[in-house]
Structures are given as C-alpha cells and as structure tokens.
Amino acid sequence: MAQTQTQLEQDLEERFRREAGVSAGVTLALRSASDSVTVDSVTVTPAADCTPEQQQALEKIVEEALGVRPEWNAPGWEIQP
C-alpha cells in the first residue's frame, strides 16, 4: 500500500505542475479493505506564491482524481463556497 500511496502522490504533484502551473506537495491517507484501497484524506501544501485561481485548480484536480475534497496545509487556505 505504501508504494500505491507514493505513486498517487507523485502523480498528483506532476498534474499540479502540468495543469495548474504550480508546485504543491500532497499527502494521502489511504485505507485498505479486503479487496481495495480507498482514500481517507488528502492534504495539499501549496507553494507560497500559489494564487487563489491555482488553488481552485488544485482542488479540482484532487476531486476529479480521487473523489475527495483536500485539506489545506497553509493558514487561510480554505476555499470559500
């Protein structure tokens, strides 16, 4: 499961750079069931110069890829509805 987690994190970080034009770290918490692995949570650490538009793009990437909304590891980085 650790290899799956690492690969998913690397894939997301690459998509962040390619699709949103910003570097951001991502940490996944996975849960293993008898025949599958599910995502419990996603924490994104955006670069200091990440704009609100880029943040929205990062959130969209995570939601499309994993079906969950990310938590933000940066003060004041909650997207307003």
PDB file of N, CA and C in Angstrom:
ATOM      1  N   MET A   1       0.822  -1.190   0.000  1.00  0.00           N
ATOM      2  CA  MET A   1       0.000   0.000   0.000  1.00  0.00           C
ATOM      3  C   MET A   1       0.870   1.260   0.000  1.00  0.00           C
ATOM      4  N   ALA A   2       2.046   1.196   0.625  1.00  0.00           N
ATOM      5  CA  ALA A   2       2.935   2.361   0.654  1.00  0.00           C
ATOM      6  C   ALA A   2       3.366   2.752  -0.754  1.00  0.00           C
ATOM      7  N   GLN A   3       3.610   1.758  -1.604  1.00  0.00           N
ATOM      8  CA  GLN A   3       4.004   2.042  -2.986  1.00  0.00           C
ATOM      9  C   GLN A   3       2.851   2.719  -3.738  1.00  0.00           C
ATOM     10  N   THR A   4       1.640   2.261  -3.523  1.00  0.00           N
ATOM     11  CA  THR A   4       0.465   2.879  -4.143  1.00  0.00           C
ATOM     12  C   THR A   4       0.327   4.327  -3.697  1.00  0.00           C
ATOM     13  N   GLN A   5       0.500   4.571  -2.407  1.00  0.00           N
ATOM     14  CA  GLN A   5       0.391   5.923  -1.868  1.00  0.00           C
ATOM     15  C   GLN A   5       1.444   6.833  -2.487  1.00  0.00           C
ATOM     16  N   THR A   6       2.682   6.380  -2.523  1.00  0.00           N
ATOM     17  CA  THR A   6       3.767   7.187  -3.093  1.00  0.00           C
ATOM     18  C   THR A   6       3.504   7.498  -4.554  1.00  0.00           C
ATOM     19  N   GLN A   7       3.061   6.511  -5.318  1.00  0.00           N
ATOM     20  CA  GLN A   7       2.799   6.721  -6.742  1.00  0.00           C
ATOM     21  C   GLN A   7       1.660   7.715  -6.956  1.00  0.00           C
ATOM     22  N   LEU A   8       0.592   7.587  -6.190  1.00  0.00           N
ATOM     23  CA  LEU A   8      -0.530   8.528  -6.307  1.00  0.00           C
ATOM     24  C   LEU A   8      -0.092   9.948  -5.960  1.00  0.00           C
ATOM     25  N   GLU A   9       0.697  10.101  -4.902  1.00  0.00           N
ATOM     26  CA  GLU A   9       1.175  11.424  -4.505  1.00  0.00           C
ATOM     27  C   GLU A   9       2.042  12.040  -5.601  1.00  0.00           C
ATOM     28  N   GLN A  10       2.949  11.247  -6.168  1.00  0.00           N
ATOM     29  CA  GLN A  10       3.811  11.750  -7.243  1.00  0.00           C
ATOM     30  C   GLN A  10       2.998  12.119  -8.478  1.00  0.00           C
ATOM     31  N   ASP A  11       2.025  11.298  -8.816  1.00  0.00           N
ATOM     32  CA  ASP A  11       1.177  11.585  -9.979  1.00  0.00           C
ATOM     33  C   ASP A  11       0.405  12.893  -9.793  1.00  0.00           C
ATOM     34  N   LEU A  12      -0.144  13.097  -8.603  1.00  0.00           N
ATOM     35  CA  LEU A  12      -0.884  14.335  -8.337  1.00  0.00           C
ATOM     36  C   LEU A  12       0.032  15.552  -8.384  1.00  0.00           C
ATOM     37  N   GLU A  13       1.216  15.455  -7.791  1.00  0.00           N
ATOM     38  CA  GLU A  13       2.152  16.580  -7.802  1.00  0.00           C
ATOM     39  C   GLU A  13       2.540  16.950  -9.232  1.00  0.00           C
ATOM     40  N   GLU A  14       2.709  15.951 -10.092  1.00  0.00           N
ATOM     41  CA  GLU A  14       3.021  16.212 -11.502  1.00  0.00           C
ATOM     42  C   GLU A  14       1.839  16.890 -12.189  1.00  0.00           C
ATOM     43  N   ARG A  15       0.627  16.421 -11.919  1.00  0.00           N
ATOM     44  CA  ARG A  15      -0.566  17.067 -12.504  1.00  0.00           C
ATOM     45  C   ARG A  15      -0.703  18.506 -12.029  1.00  0.00           C
ATOM     46  N   PHE A  16      -0.384  18.765 -10.771  1.00  0.00           N
ATOM     47  CA  PHE A  16      -0.438  20.137 -10.257  1.00  0.00           C
ATOM     48  C   PHE A  16       0.464  21.043 -11.088  1.00  0.00           C
ATOM     49  N   ARG A  17       1.694  20.589 -11.335  1.00  0.00           N
ATOM     50  CA  ARG A  17       2.644  21.396 -12.119  1.00  0.00           C
ATOM     51  C   ARG A  17       2.171  21.556 -13.561  1.00  0.00           C
ATOM     52  N   ARG A  18       1.721  20.452 -14.150  1.00  0.00           N
ATOM     53  CA  ARG A  18       1.345  20.461 -15.562  1.00  0.00           C
ATOM     54  C   ARG A  18       0.043  21.219 -15.818  1.00  0.00           C
ATOM     55  N   GLU A  19      -0.981  20.974 -15.008  1.00  0.00           N
ATOM     56  CA  GLU A  19      -2.309  21.520 -15.281  1.00  0.00           C
ATOM     57  C   GLU A  19      -2.594  22.854 -14.587  1.00  0.00           C
ATOM     58  N   ALA A  20      -2.019  23.065 -13.402  1.00  0.00           N
ATOM     59  CA  ALA A  20      -2.298  24.295 -12.655  1.00  0.00           C
ATOM     60  C   ALA A  20      -1.113  25.253 -12.672  1.00  0.00           C
ATOM     61  N   GLY A  21       0.048  24.767 -13.126  1.00  0.00           N
ATOM     62  CA  GLY A  21       1.219  25.626 -13.208  1.00  0.00           C
ATOM     63  C   GLY A  21       1.797  26.016 -11.862  1.00  0.00           C
ATOM     64  N   VAL A  22       1.624  25.158 -10.864  1.00  0.00           N
ATOM     65  CA  VAL A  22       2.129  25.470  -9.523  1.00  0.00           C
ATOM     66  C   VAL A  22       2.619  24.188  -8.851  1.00  0.00           C
ATOM     67  N   SER A  23       3.654  24.349  -8.043  1.00  0.00           N
ATOM     68  CA  SER A  23       4.144  23.220  -7.254  1.00  0.00           C
ATOM     69  C   SER A  23       3.381  23.162  -5.942  1.00  0.00           C
ATOM     70  N   ALA A  24       3.014  21.966  -5.556  1.00  0.00           N
ATOM     71  CA  ALA A  24       2.336  21.757  -4.275  1.00  0.00           C
ATOM     72  C   ALA A  24       2.606  20.328  -3.839  1.00  0.00           C
ATOM     73  N   GLY A  25       2.848  20.174  -2.559  1.00  0.00           N
ATOM     74  CA  GLY A  25       3.019  18.835  -2.013  1.00  0.00           C
ATOM     75  C   GLY A  25       1.662  18.238  -1.692  1.00  0.00           C
ATOM     76  N   VAL A  26       1.610  16.935  -1.684  1.00  0.00           N
ATOM     77  CA  VAL A  26       0.352  16.252  -1.357  1.00  0.00           C
ATOM     78  C   VAL A  26       0.660  15.041  -0.484  1.00  0.00           C
ATOM     79  N   THR A  27      -0.173  14.850   0.525  1.00  0.00           N
ATOM     80  CA  THR A  27      -0.045  13.700   1.414  1.00  0.00           C
ATOM     81  C   THR A  27      -1.394  12.999   1.472  1.00  0.00           C
ATOM     82  N   LEU A  28      -1.374  11.713   1.183  1.00  0.00           N
ATOM     83  CA  LEU A  28      -2.601  10.922   1.189  1.00  0.00           C
ATOM     84  C   LEU A  28      -2.654  10.038   2.426  1.00  0.00           C
ATOM     85  N   ALA A  29      -3.845   9.829   2.936  1.00  0.00           N
ATOM     86  CA  ALA A  29      -4.093   8.821   3.960  1.00  0.00           C
ATOM     87  C   ALA A  29      -4.996   7.783   3.310  1.00  0.00           C
ATOM     88  N   LEU A  30      -4.471   6.574   3.153  1.00  0.00           N
ATOM     89  CA  LEU A  30      -5.212   5.505   2.490  1.00  0.00           C
ATOM     90  C   LEU A  30      -5.685   4.476   3.509  1.00  0.00           C
ATOM     91  N   ARG A  31      -6.746   3.778   3.139  1.00  0.00           N
ATOM     92  CA  ARG A  31      -7.275   2.702   3.965  1.00  0.00           C
ATOM     93  C   ARG A  31      -7.425   1.474   3.081  1.00  0.00           C
ATOM     94  N   SER A  32      -6.978   0.360   3.584  1.00  0.00           N
ATOM     95  CA  SER A  32      -7.053  -0.884   2.833  1.00  0.00           C
ATOM     96  C   SER A  32      -8.245  -1.705   3.304  1.00  0.00           C
ATOM     97  N   ALA A  33      -9.066  -2.086   2.340  1.00  0.00           N
ATOM     98  CA  ALA A  33     -10.169  -3.008   2.616  1.00  0.00           C
ATOM     99  C   ALA A  33      -9.745  -4.372   2.083  1.00  0.00           C
ATOM    100  N   SER A  34     -10.594  -5.341   2.172  1.00  0.00           N
ATOM    101  CA  SER A  34     -10.216  -6.694   1.766  1.00  0.00           C
ATOM    102  C   SER A  34      -9.770  -6.779   0.312  1.00  0.00           C
ATOM    103  N   ASP A  35     -10.421  -6.027  -0.564  1.00  0.00           N
ATOM    104  CA  ASP A  35     -10.074  -6.129  -1.982  1.00  0.00           C
ATOM    105  C   ASP A  35      -9.844  -4.778  -2.650  1.00  0.00           C
ATOM    106  N   SER A  36      -9.695  -3.715  -1.853  1.00  0.00           N
ATOM    107  CA  SER A  36      -9.495  -2.402  -2.461  1.00  0.00           C
ATOM    108  C   SER A  36      -8.782  -1.458  -1.496  1.00  0.00           C
ATOM    109  N   VAL A  37      -8.360  -0.327  -2.052  1.00  0.00           N
ATOM    110  CA  VAL A  37      -7.742   0.734  -1.263  1.00  0.00           C
ATOM    111  C   VAL A  37      -8.573   1.992  -1.486  1.00  0.00           C
ATOM    112  N   THR A  38      -8.938   2.668  -0.406  1.00  0.00           N
ATOM    113  CA  THR A  38      -9.706   3.902  -0.520  1.00  0.00           C
ATOM    114  C   THR A  38      -8.923   5.058   0.098  1.00  0.00           C
ATOM    115  N   VAL A  39      -9.261   6.265  -0.332  1.00  0.00           N
ATOM    116  CA  VAL A  39      -8.608   7.466   0.168  1.00  0.00           C
ATOM    117  C   VAL A  39      -9.412   8.000   1.348  1.00  0.00           C
ATOM    118  N   ASP A  40      -8.759   8.083   2.512  1.00  0.00           N
ATOM    119  CA  ASP A  40      -9.399   8.661   3.697  1.00  0.00           C
ATOM    120  C   ASP A  40      -9.321  10.175   3.669  1.00  0.00           C
ATOM    121  N   SER A  41      -8.129  10.710   3.342  1.00  0.00           N
ATOM    122  CA  SER A  41      -7.969  12.162   3.310  1.00  0.00           C
ATOM    123  C   SER A  41      -6.806  12.541   2.409  1.00  0.00           C
ATOM    124  N   VAL A  42      -6.845  13.796   1.970  1.00  0.00           N
ATOM    125  CA  VAL A  42      -5.795  14.366   1.126  1.00  0.00           C
ATOM    126  C   VAL A  42      -5.423  15.717   1.727  1.00  0.00           C
ATOM    127  N   THR A  43      -4.133  15.912   1.974  1.00  0.00           N
ATOM    128  CA  THR A  43      -3.654  17.199   2.469  1.00  0.00           C
ATOM    129  C   THR A  43      -2.726  17.796   1.425  1.00  0.00           C
ATOM    130  N   VAL A  44      -3.037  19.022   0.999  1.00  0.00           N
ATOM    131  CA  VAL A  44      -2.239  19.716  -0.014  1.00  0.00           C
ATOM    132  C   VAL A  44      -1.495  20.862   0.662  1.00  0.00           C
ATOM    133  N   THR A  45      -0.191  20.947   0.373  1.00  0.00           N
ATOM    134  CA  THR A  45       0.644  22.042   0.864  1.00  0.00           C
ATOM    135  C   THR A  45       1.055  22.872  -0.340  1.00  0.00           C
ATOM    136  N   PRO A  46       0.375  24.001  -0.581  1.00  0.00           N
ATOM    137  CA  PRO A  46       0.663  24.807  -1.769  1.00  0.00           C
ATOM    138  C   PRO A  46       1.943  25.618  -1.601  1.00  0.00           C
ATOM    139  N   ALA A  47       2.550  25.957  -2.734  1.00  0.00           N
ATOM    140  CA  ALA A  47       3.698  26.856  -2.726  1.00  0.00           C
ATOM    141  C   ALA A  47       3.251  28.215  -2.195  1.00  0.00           C
ATOM    142  N   ALA A  48       4.191  28.962  -1.631  1.00  0.00           N
ATOM    143  CA  ALA A  48       3.870  30.262  -1.029  1.00  0.00           C
ATOM    144  C   ALA A  48       3.264  31.233  -2.038  1.00  0.00           C
ATOM    145  N   ASP A  49       3.641  31.103  -3.311  1.00  0.00           N
ATOM    146  CA  ASP A  49       3.149  32.036  -4.333  1.00  0.00           C
ATOM    147  C   ASP A  49       1.913  31.525  -5.071  1.00  0.00           C
ATOM    148  N   CYS A  50       1.261  30.516  -4.538  1.00  0.00           N
ATOM    149  CA  CYS A  50       0.061  29.946  -5.161  1.00  0.00           C
ATOM    150  C   CYS A  50      -1.081  30.960  -5.109  1.00  0.00           C
ATOM    151  N   THR A  51      -1.678  31.231  -6.258  1.00  0.00           N
ATOM    152  CA  THR A  51      -2.783  32.191  -6.337  1.00  0.00           C
ATOM    153  C   THR A  51      -4.108  31.498  -5.998  1.00  0.00           C
ATOM    154  N   PRO A  52      -5.148  32.261  -5.688  1.00  0.00           N
ATOM    155  CA  PRO A  52      -6.465  31.654  -5.447  1.00  0.00           C
ATOM    156  C   PRO A  52      -6.966  30.842  -6.646  1.00  0.00           C
ATOM    157  N   GLU A  53      -6.680  31.298  -7.855  1.00  0.00           N
ATOM    158  CA  GLU A  53      -7.100  30.561  -9.050  1.00  0.00           C
ATOM    159  C   GLU A  53      -6.369  29.221  -9.138  1.00  0.00           C
ATOM    160  N   GLN A  54      -5.078  29.226  -8.823  1.00  0.00           N
ATOM    161  CA  GLN A  54      -4.318  27.978  -8.835  1.00  0.00           C
ATOM    162  C   GLN A  54      -4.816  27.041  -7.741  1.00  0.00           C
ATOM    163  N   GLN A  55      -5.162  27.593  -6.593  1.00  0.00           N
ATOM    164  CA  GLN A  55      -5.691  26.773  -5.509  1.00  0.00           C
ATOM    165  C   GLN A  55      -6.977  26.080  -5.952  1.00  0.00           C
ATOM    166  N   GLN A  56      -7.852  26.810  -6.628  1.00  0.00           N
ATOM    167  CA  GLN A  56      -9.089  26.205  -7.124  1.00  0.00           C
ATOM    168  C   GLN A  56      -8.781  25.107  -8.136  1.00  0.00           C
ATOM    169  N   ALA A  57      -7.769  25.324  -8.972  1.00  0.00           N
ATOM    170  CA  ALA A  57      -7.374  24.301  -9.942  1.00  0.00           C
ATOM    171  C   ALA A  57      -6.845  23.060  -9.226  1.00  0.00           C
ATOM    172  N   LEU A  58      -6.061  23.253  -8.165  1.00  0.00           N
ATOM    173  CA  LEU A  58      -5.546  22.119  -7.392  1.00  0.00           C
ATOM    174  C   LEU A  58      -6.695  21.325  -6.780  1.00  0.00           C
ATOM    175  N   GLU A  59      -7.657  22.041  -6.222  1.00  0.00           N
ATOM    176  CA  GLU A  59      -8.797  21.366  -5.605  1.00  0.00           C
ATOM    177  C   GLU A  59      -9.573  20.555  -6.647  1.00  0.00           C
ATOM    178  N   LYS A  60      -9.767  21.117  -7.819  1.00  0.00           N
ATOM    179  CA  LYS A  60     -10.481  20.410  -8.890  1.00  0.00           C
ATOM    180  C   LYS A  60      -9.726  19.147  -9.307  1.00  0.00           C
ATOM    181  N   ILE A  61      -8.412  19.241  -9.415  1.00  0.00           N
ATOM    182  CA  ILE A  61      -7.598  18.079  -9.791  1.00  0.00           C
ATOM    183  C   ILE A  61      -7.774  16.965  -8.765  1.00  0.00           C
ATOM    184  N   VAL A  62      -7.680  17.305  -7.478  1.00  0.00           N
ATOM    185  CA  VAL A  62      -7.821  16.301  -6.418  1.00  0.00           C
ATOM    186  C   VAL A  62      -9.216  15.683  -6.448  1.00  0.00           C
ATOM    187  N   GLU A  63     -10.241  16.514  -6.572  1.00  0.00           N
ATOM    188  CA  GLU A  63     -11.612  15.993  -6.578  1.00  0.00           C
ATOM    189  C   GLU A  63     -11.860  15.082  -7.777  1.00  0.00           C
ATOM    190  N   GLU A  64     -11.340  15.468  -8.950  1.00  0.00           N
ATOM    191  CA  GLU A  64     -11.525  14.632 -10.141  1.00  0.00           C
ATOM    192  C   GLU A  64     -10.757  13.322 -10.023  1.00  0.00           C
ATOM    193  N   ALA A  65      -9.539  13.383  -9.499  1.00  0.00           N
ATOM    194  CA  ALA A  65      -8.692  12.194  -9.439  1.00  0.00           C
ATOM    195  C   ALA A  65      -9.109  11.225  -8.338  1.00  0.00           C
ATOM    196  N   LEU A  66      -9.518  11.766  -7.180  1.00  0.00           N
ATOM    197  CA  LEU A  66      -9.731  10.911  -6.017  1.00  0.00           C
ATOM    198  C   LEU A  66     -11.139  10.950  -5.438  1.00  0.00           C
ATOM    199  N   GLY A  67     -11.950  11.915  -5.880  1.00  0.00           N
ATOM    200  CA  GLY A  67     -13.315  11.993  -5.387  1.00  0.00           C
ATOM    201  C   GLY A  67     -13.462  12.533  -3.976  1.00  0.00           C
ATOM    202  N   VAL A  68     -12.425  13.199  -3.474  1.00  0.00           N
ATOM    203  CA  VAL A  68     -12.490  13.811  -2.144  1.00  0.00           C
ATOM    204  C   VAL A  68     -11.990  15.246  -2.222  1.00  0.00           C
ATOM    205  N   ARG A  69     -12.448  16.059  -1.284  1.00  0.00           N
ATOM    206  CA  ARG A  69     -12.004  17.447  -1.223  1.00  0.00           C
ATOM    207  C   ARG A  69     -10.757  17.511  -0.333  1.00  0.00           C
ATOM    208  N   PRO A  70      -9.721  18.209  -0.772  1.00  0.00           N
ATOM    209  CA  PRO A  70      -8.493  18.240   0.025  1.00  0.00           C
ATOM    210  C   PRO A  70      -8.585  19.163   1.230  1.00  0.00           C
ATOM    211  N   GLU A  71      -7.751  18.866   2.208  1.00  0.00           N
ATOM    212  CA  GLU A  71      -7.500  19.776   3.314  1.00  0.00           C
ATOM    213  C   GLU A  71      -6.262  20.576   2.920  1.00  0.00           C
ATOM    214  N   TRP A  72      -6.140  21.786   3.466  1.00  0.00           N
ATOM    215  CA  TRP A  72      -5.031  22.669   3.095  1.00  0.00           C
ATOM    216  C   TRP A  72      -4.068  22.823   4.254  1.00  0.00           C
ATOM    217  N   ASN A  73      -2.784  22.639   3.977  1.00  0.00           N
ATOM    218  CA  ASN A  73      -1.739  22.782   4.977  1.00  0.00           C
ATOM    219  C   ASN A  73      -1.088  24.150   4.814  1.00  0.00           C
ATOM    220  N   ALA A  74      -1.897  25.185   4.973  1.00  0.00           N
ATOM    221  CA  ALA A  74      -1.429  26.565   4.888  1.00  0.00           C
ATOM    222  C   ALA A  74      -2.489  27.440   5.539  1.00  0.00           C
ATOM    223  N   PRO A  75      -2.088  28.360   6.404  1.00  0.00           N
ATOM    224  CA  PRO A  75      -3.076  29.217   7.067  1.00  0.00           C
ATOM    225  C   PRO A  75      -3.886  30.029   6.064  1.00  0.00           C
ATOM    226  N   GLY A  76      -5.186  30.092   6.279  1.00  0.00           N
ATOM    227  CA  GLY A  76      -6.047  30.913   5.437  1.00  0.00           C
ATOM    228  C   GLY A  76      -6.340  30.341   4.069  1.00  0.00           C
ATOM    229  N   TRP A  77      -6.103  29.046   3.871  1.00  0.00           N
ATOM    230  CA  TRP A  77      -6.261  28.455   2.541  1.00  0.00           C
ATOM    231  C   TRP A  77      -7.528  27.636   2.399  1.00  0.00           C
ATOM    232  N   GLU A  78      -8.589  28.071   2.972  1.00  0.00           N
ATOM    233  CA  GLU A  78      -9.875  27.410   2.751  1.00  0.00           C
ATOM    234  C   GLU A  78     -10.581  28.100   1.594  1.00  0.00           C
ATOM    235  N   ILE A  79     -11.062  27.342   0.640  1.00  0.00           N
ATOM    236  CA  ILE A  79     -11.805  27.913  -0.484  1.00  0.00           C
ATOM    237  C   ILE A  79     -13.198  28.283   0.009  1.00  0.00           C
ATOM    238  N   GLN A  80     -13.592  29.484  -0.288  1.00  0.00           N
ATOM    239  CA  GLN A  80     -14.920  29.946   0.111  1.00  0.00           C
ATOM    240  C   GLN A  80     -15.953  29.440  -0.891  1.00  0.00           C
ATOM    241  N   PRO A  81     -17.079  28.921  -0.398  1.00  0.00           N
ATOM    242  CA  PRO A  81     -18.114  28.406  -1.322  1.00  0.00           C
ATOM    243  C   PRO A  81     -18.752  29.510  -2.135  1.00  0.00           C
TER     244      PRO A  81
END
